[in-house]
Amino acid sequence: MAITTMAHTAPPRVTVGVDTHKDLHVAAARDQLGRRLATTTTGATSAGYAELLGWALGLGEVTAWGVEGTGSYGAGLTALLHTHGERVVEVSDRVSLERVYIGWPTPEYFNKDDAALDIAARILADGLSSRIRCGKRASIAALRSRRASYSASEISG
């Protein structure tokens, strides 16, 4: 009879990444080959931090924790992990993207002749001595004199 033996496999070495938020933390665990083992979400409380630590230790030998915002939303979790002798690496949440500038053609708002046209408009339309006003005054005067001549011819018969 043949004896079958199974090799004892070592527990996976686990790296845990934690995305921290004000009210909850989202964690993902990967093994030494980069394969995703599991994800979980816990509350951002001391009970949630302990739950997260227990969850990760249940997956294998945790080699490091990548925690986003160790000085802000991740500060409580980081403190708990340090008290348990865990290695914590701060992960930057600042992603810099290249700026894209988009432009499109726009009509010209100003023309090189605008100054001259502005002066011409002022001469024609502004004030008591404008050409439009003077021309209108001349037309009114001509109409009055024409009416006066009609009236005079009617009287003289």
C-alpha atoms as a PDB file:
ATOM      1  CA  MET A   1       0.000   0.000   0.000  1.00  0.00           C
ATOM      2  CA  ALA A   2       1.361   3.428  -0.998  1.00  0.00           C
ATOM      3  CA  ILE A   3       1.482   6.249   1.487  1.00  0.00           C
ATOM      4  CA  THR A   4       0.403   9.629   0.199  1.00  0.00           C
ATOM      5  CA  THR A   5       1.714  12.716   1.882  1.00  0.00           C
ATOM      6  CA  MET A   6       0.803  16.302   1.278  1.00  0.00           C
ATOM      7  CA  ALA A   7       3.333  19.068   1.521  1.00  0.00           C
ATOM      8  CA  HIS A   8       2.605  21.564   4.239  1.00  0.00           C
ATOM      9  CA  THR A   9       2.129  24.937   2.590  1.00  0.00           C
ATOM     10  CA  ALA A  10       3.205  28.082   4.341  1.00  0.00           C
ATOM     11  CA  PRO A  11       0.532  30.709   4.896  1.00  0.00           C
ATOM     12  CA  PRO A  12       0.565  33.427   2.244  1.00  0.00           C
ATOM     13  CA  ARG A  13       2.459  36.605   2.907  1.00  0.00           C
ATOM     14  CA  VAL A  14      -0.162  39.333   2.816  1.00  0.00           C
ATOM     15  CA  THR A  15       0.049  43.020   2.031  1.00  0.00           C
ATOM     16  CA  VAL A  16      -2.966  45.109   2.994  1.00  0.00           C
ATOM     17  CA  GLY A  17      -3.888  48.452   1.449  1.00  0.00           C
ATOM     18  CA  VAL A  18      -6.375  50.681   3.261  1.00  0.00           C
ATOM     19  CA  ASP A  19      -8.308  53.561   1.710  1.00  0.00           C
ATOM     20  CA  THR A  20      -9.301  55.703   4.683  1.00  0.00           C
ATOM     21  CA  HIS A  21     -12.378  57.905   4.916  1.00  0.00           C
ATOM     22  CA  LYS A  22     -14.029  59.855   7.704  1.00  0.00           C
ATOM     23  CA  ASP A  23     -16.651  57.233   8.578  1.00  0.00           C
ATOM     24  CA  LEU A  24     -15.293  54.004   7.097  1.00  0.00           C
ATOM     25  CA  HIS A  25     -12.153  52.321   5.801  1.00  0.00           C
ATOM     26  CA  VAL A  26     -11.950  50.062   2.762  1.00  0.00           C
ATOM     27  CA  ALA A  27      -9.175  47.447   2.759  1.00  0.00           C
ATOM     28  CA  ALA A  28      -7.857  45.090   0.085  1.00  0.00           C
ATOM     29  CA  ALA A  29      -5.418  42.242   0.713  1.00  0.00           C
ATOM     30  CA  ARG A  30      -3.005  40.739  -1.819  1.00  0.00           C
ATOM     31  CA  ASP A  31      -0.651  37.819  -1.553  1.00  0.00           C
ATOM     32  CA  GLN A  32       3.073  37.758  -2.335  1.00  0.00           C
ATOM     33  CA  LEU A  33       2.303  37.259  -6.040  1.00  0.00           C
ATOM     34  CA  GLY A  34       0.006  40.262  -6.191  1.00  0.00           C
ATOM     35  CA  ARG A  35      -3.218  38.261  -6.382  1.00  0.00           C
ATOM     36  CA  ARG A  36      -6.225  39.751  -4.628  1.00  0.00           C
ATOM     37  CA  LEU A  37      -7.177  37.662  -1.632  1.00  0.00           C
ATOM     38  CA  ALA A  38     -10.105  39.636  -0.224  1.00  0.00           C
ATOM     39  CA  THR A  39     -11.589  43.067   0.412  1.00  0.00           C
ATOM     40  CA  THR A  40     -13.545  44.405   3.351  1.00  0.00           C
ATOM     41  CA  THR A  41     -15.086  47.578   4.719  1.00  0.00           C
ATOM     42  CA  THR A  42     -15.040  48.535   8.396  1.00  0.00           C
ATOM     43  CA  GLY A  43     -16.101  51.513  10.445  1.00  0.00           C
ATOM     44  CA  ALA A  44     -13.546  54.169  11.289  1.00  0.00           C
ATOM     45  CA  THR A  45     -13.736  53.364  15.006  1.00  0.00           C
ATOM     46  CA  SER A  46     -11.438  51.538  17.410  1.00  0.00           C
ATOM     47  CA  ALA A  47     -13.704  48.471  17.132  1.00  0.00           C
ATOM     48  CA  GLY A  48     -13.488  48.717  13.335  1.00  0.00           C
ATOM     49  CA  TYR A  49      -9.678  48.945  13.492  1.00  0.00           C
ATOM     50  CA  ALA A  50      -9.493  45.794  15.668  1.00  0.00           C
ATOM     51  CA  GLU A  51     -11.867  44.003  13.294  1.00  0.00           C
ATOM     52  CA  LEU A  52      -9.679  44.990  10.345  1.00  0.00           C
ATOM     53  CA  LEU A  53      -6.533  43.710  12.059  1.00  0.00           C
ATOM     54  CA  GLY A  54      -8.207  40.388  12.884  1.00  0.00           C
ATOM     55  CA  TRP A  55      -9.474  40.056   9.312  1.00  0.00           C
ATOM     56  CA  ALA A  56      -6.005  40.611   7.852  1.00  0.00           C
ATOM     57  CA  LEU A  57      -4.260  38.227  10.282  1.00  0.00           C
ATOM     58  CA  GLY A  58      -6.797  35.563   9.331  1.00  0.00           C
ATOM     59  CA  LEU A  59      -5.672  35.751   5.697  1.00  0.00           C
ATOM     60  CA  GLY A  60      -2.025  34.929   6.371  1.00  0.00           C
ATOM     61  CA  GLU A  61       1.225  36.486   7.520  1.00  0.00           C
ATOM     62  CA  VAL A  62       0.838  40.259   7.118  1.00  0.00           C
ATOM     63  CA  THR A  63       4.117  41.749   5.925  1.00  0.00           C
ATOM     64  CA  ALA A  64       3.030  45.378   5.568  1.00  0.00           C
ATOM     65  CA  TRP A  65       0.101  47.746   5.696  1.00  0.00           C
ATOM     66  CA  GLY A  66      -0.264  50.560   3.172  1.00  0.00           C
ATOM     67  CA  VAL A  67      -2.451  53.187   4.807  1.00  0.00           C
ATOM     68  CA  GLU A  68      -3.665  56.318   3.066  1.00  0.00           C
ATOM     69  CA  GLY A  69      -3.670  59.463   5.195  1.00  0.00           C
ATOM     70  CA  THR A  70      -1.764  58.249   8.259  1.00  0.00           C
ATOM     71  CA  GLY A  71      -1.877  61.778   9.670  1.00  0.00           C
ATOM     72  CA  SER A  72      -5.595  62.353   9.159  1.00  0.00           C
ATOM     73  CA  TYR A  73      -8.373  59.779   8.651  1.00  0.00           C
ATOM     74  CA  GLY A  74      -5.914  56.897   8.955  1.00  0.00           C
ATOM     75  CA  ALA A  75      -4.276  58.119  12.184  1.00  0.00           C
ATOM     76  CA  GLY A  76      -6.343  55.919  14.509  1.00  0.00           C
ATOM     77  CA  LEU A  77      -5.750  52.778  12.471  1.00  0.00           C
ATOM     78  CA  THR A  78      -2.039  53.573  12.191  1.00  0.00           C
ATOM     79  CA  ALA A  79      -1.733  53.971  15.970  1.00  0.00           C
ATOM     80  CA  LEU A  80      -3.449  50.612  16.581  1.00  0.00           C
ATOM     81  CA  LEU A  81      -1.255  48.841  14.026  1.00  0.00           C
ATOM     82  CA  HIS A  82       1.915  50.301  15.575  1.00  0.00           C
ATOM     83  CA  THR A  83       0.875  49.112  19.044  1.00  0.00           C
ATOM     84  CA  HIS A  84       0.549  45.573  17.613  1.00  0.00           C
ATOM     85  CA  GLY A  85       4.003  45.750  16.002  1.00  0.00           C
ATOM     86  CA  GLU A  86       2.730  45.926  12.434  1.00  0.00           C
ATOM     87  CA  ARG A  87       4.754  47.600   9.683  1.00  0.00           C
ATOM     88  CA  VAL A  88       2.850  50.613   8.301  1.00  0.00           C
ATOM     89  CA  VAL A  89       3.762  52.442   5.089  1.00  0.00           C
ATOM     90  CA  GLU A  90       2.059  55.739   4.306  1.00  0.00           C
ATOM     91  CA  VAL A  91       0.435  55.765   0.875  1.00  0.00           C
ATOM     92  CA  SER A  92       0.001  59.116  -0.824  1.00  0.00           C
ATOM     93  CA  ASP A  93      -3.489  59.949  -1.950  1.00  0.00           C
ATOM     94  CA  ARG A  94      -2.269  62.737  -4.201  1.00  0.00           C
ATOM     95  CA  VAL A  95      -2.492  61.692  -7.822  1.00  0.00           C
ATOM     96  CA  SER A  96      -1.050  64.279 -10.160  1.00  0.00           C
ATOM     97  CA  LEU A  97      -2.488  64.258 -13.632  1.00  0.00           C
ATOM     98  CA  GLU A  98      -1.112  66.129 -16.587  1.00  0.00           C
ATOM     99  CA  ARG A  99      -3.022  69.309 -17.305  1.00  0.00           C
ATOM    100  CA  VAL A 100      -4.826  69.527 -20.622  1.00  0.00           C
ATOM    101  CA  TYR A 101      -5.517  72.878 -22.211  1.00  0.00           C
ATOM    102  CA  ILE A 102      -8.325  73.065 -24.720  1.00  0.00           C
ATOM    103  CA  GLY A 103      -8.789  76.046 -27.002  1.00  0.00           C
ATOM    104  CA  TRP A 104     -11.164  76.895 -29.775  1.00  0.00           C
ATOM    105  CA  PRO A 105     -11.367  79.782 -32.237  1.00  0.00           C
ATOM    106  CA  THR A 106     -13.421  82.770 -31.129  1.00  0.00           C
ATOM    107  CA  PRO A 107     -14.610  85.679 -33.239  1.00  0.00           C
ATOM    108  CA  GLU A 108     -12.724  88.936 -32.991  1.00  0.00           C
ATOM    109  CA  TYR A 109     -14.384  91.251 -30.523  1.00  0.00           C
ATOM    110  CA  PHE A 110     -12.279  94.229 -31.497  1.00  0.00           C
ATOM    111  CA  ASN A 111     -11.210  95.379 -34.923  1.00  0.00           C
ATOM    112  CA  LYS A 112      -8.346  97.715 -35.776  1.00  0.00           C
ATOM    113  CA  ASP A 113     -10.900 100.261 -37.094  1.00  0.00           C
ATOM    114  CA  ASP A 114     -12.992 100.285 -33.913  1.00  0.00           C
ATOM    115  CA  ALA A 115     -11.392 103.466 -32.553  1.00  0.00           C
ATOM    116  CA  ALA A 116     -12.120 105.408 -35.721  1.00  0.00           C
ATOM    117  CA  LEU A 117     -15.687 104.092 -35.847  1.00  0.00           C
ATOM    118  CA  ASP A 118     -16.178 105.024 -32.200  1.00  0.00           C
ATOM    119  CA  ILE A 119     -15.103 108.600 -32.906  1.00  0.00           C
ATOM    120  CA  ALA A 120     -17.361 108.766 -35.975  1.00  0.00           C
ATOM    121  CA  ALA A 121     -20.311 107.479 -33.903  1.00  0.00           C
ATOM    122  CA  ARG A 122     -19.709 110.152 -31.289  1.00  0.00           C
ATOM    123  CA  ILE A 123     -19.550 112.885 -33.932  1.00  0.00           C
ATOM    124  CA  LEU A 124     -22.774 111.657 -35.563  1.00  0.00           C
ATOM    125  CA  ALA A 125     -24.839 110.880 -32.467  1.00  0.00           C
ATOM    126  CA  ASP A 126     -23.547 112.572 -29.299  1.00  0.00           C
ATOM    127  CA  GLY A 127     -24.457 115.944 -27.864  1.00  0.00           C
ATOM    128  CA  LEU A 128     -26.259 119.048 -29.086  1.00  0.00           C
ATOM    129  CA  SER A 129     -23.802 119.608 -31.943  1.00  0.00           C
ATOM    130  CA  SER A 130     -23.972 116.095 -33.390  1.00  0.00           C
ATOM    131  CA  ARG A 131     -24.473 115.776 -37.137  1.00  0.00           C
ATOM    132  CA  ILE A 132     -27.647 113.739 -36.740  1.00  0.00           C
ATOM    133  CA  ARG A 133     -29.142 116.336 -34.417  1.00  0.00           C
ATOM    134  CA  CYS A 134     -28.014 119.223 -36.661  1.00  0.00           C
ATOM    135  CA  GLY A 135     -29.422 117.441 -39.703  1.00  0.00           C
ATOM    136  CA  LYS A 136     -32.708 116.830 -37.926  1.00  0.00           C
ATOM    137  CA  ARG A 137     -32.865 120.484 -36.891  1.00  0.00           C
ATOM    138  CA  ALA A 138     -32.299 121.532 -40.503  1.00  0.00           C
ATOM    139  CA  SER A 139     -35.056 119.205 -41.708  1.00  0.00           C
ATOM    140  CA  ILE A 140     -37.499 120.559 -39.135  1.00  0.00           C
ATOM    141  CA  ALA A 141     -36.605 124.120 -40.114  1.00  0.00           C
ATOM    142  CA  ALA A 142     -37.157 123.291 -43.813  1.00  0.00           C
ATOM    143  CA  LEU A 143     -40.554 121.742 -43.061  1.00  0.00           C
ATOM    144  CA  ARG A 144     -41.600 124.798 -41.079  1.00  0.00           C
ATOM    145  CA  SER A 145     -40.561 127.171 -43.829  1.00  0.00           C
ATOM    146  CA  ARG A 146     -42.411 125.048 -46.422  1.00  0.00           C
ATOM    147  CA  ARG A 147     -45.553 125.080 -44.292  1.00  0.00           C
ATOM    148  CA  ALA A 148     -45.192 128.802 -43.846  1.00  0.00           C
ATOM    149  CA  SER A 149     -44.912 129.314 -47.603  1.00  0.00           C
ATOM    150  CA  TYR A 150     -48.025 127.156 -48.220  1.00  0.00           C
ATOM    151  CA  SER A 151     -49.952 129.140 -45.667  1.00  0.00           C
ATOM    152  CA  ALA A 152     -48.812 132.438 -47.208  1.00  0.00           C
ATOM    153  CA  SER A 153     -49.852 131.350 -50.712  1.00  0.00           C
ATOM    154  CA  GLU A 154     -53.273 130.286 -49.450  1.00  0.00           C
ATOM    155  CA  ILE A 155     -53.812 133.698 -47.830  1.00  0.00           C
ATOM    156  CA  SER A 156     -52.663 135.676 -50.849  1.00  0.00           C
ATOM    157  CA  GLY A 157     -54.945 133.659 -52.990  1.00  0.00           C
END
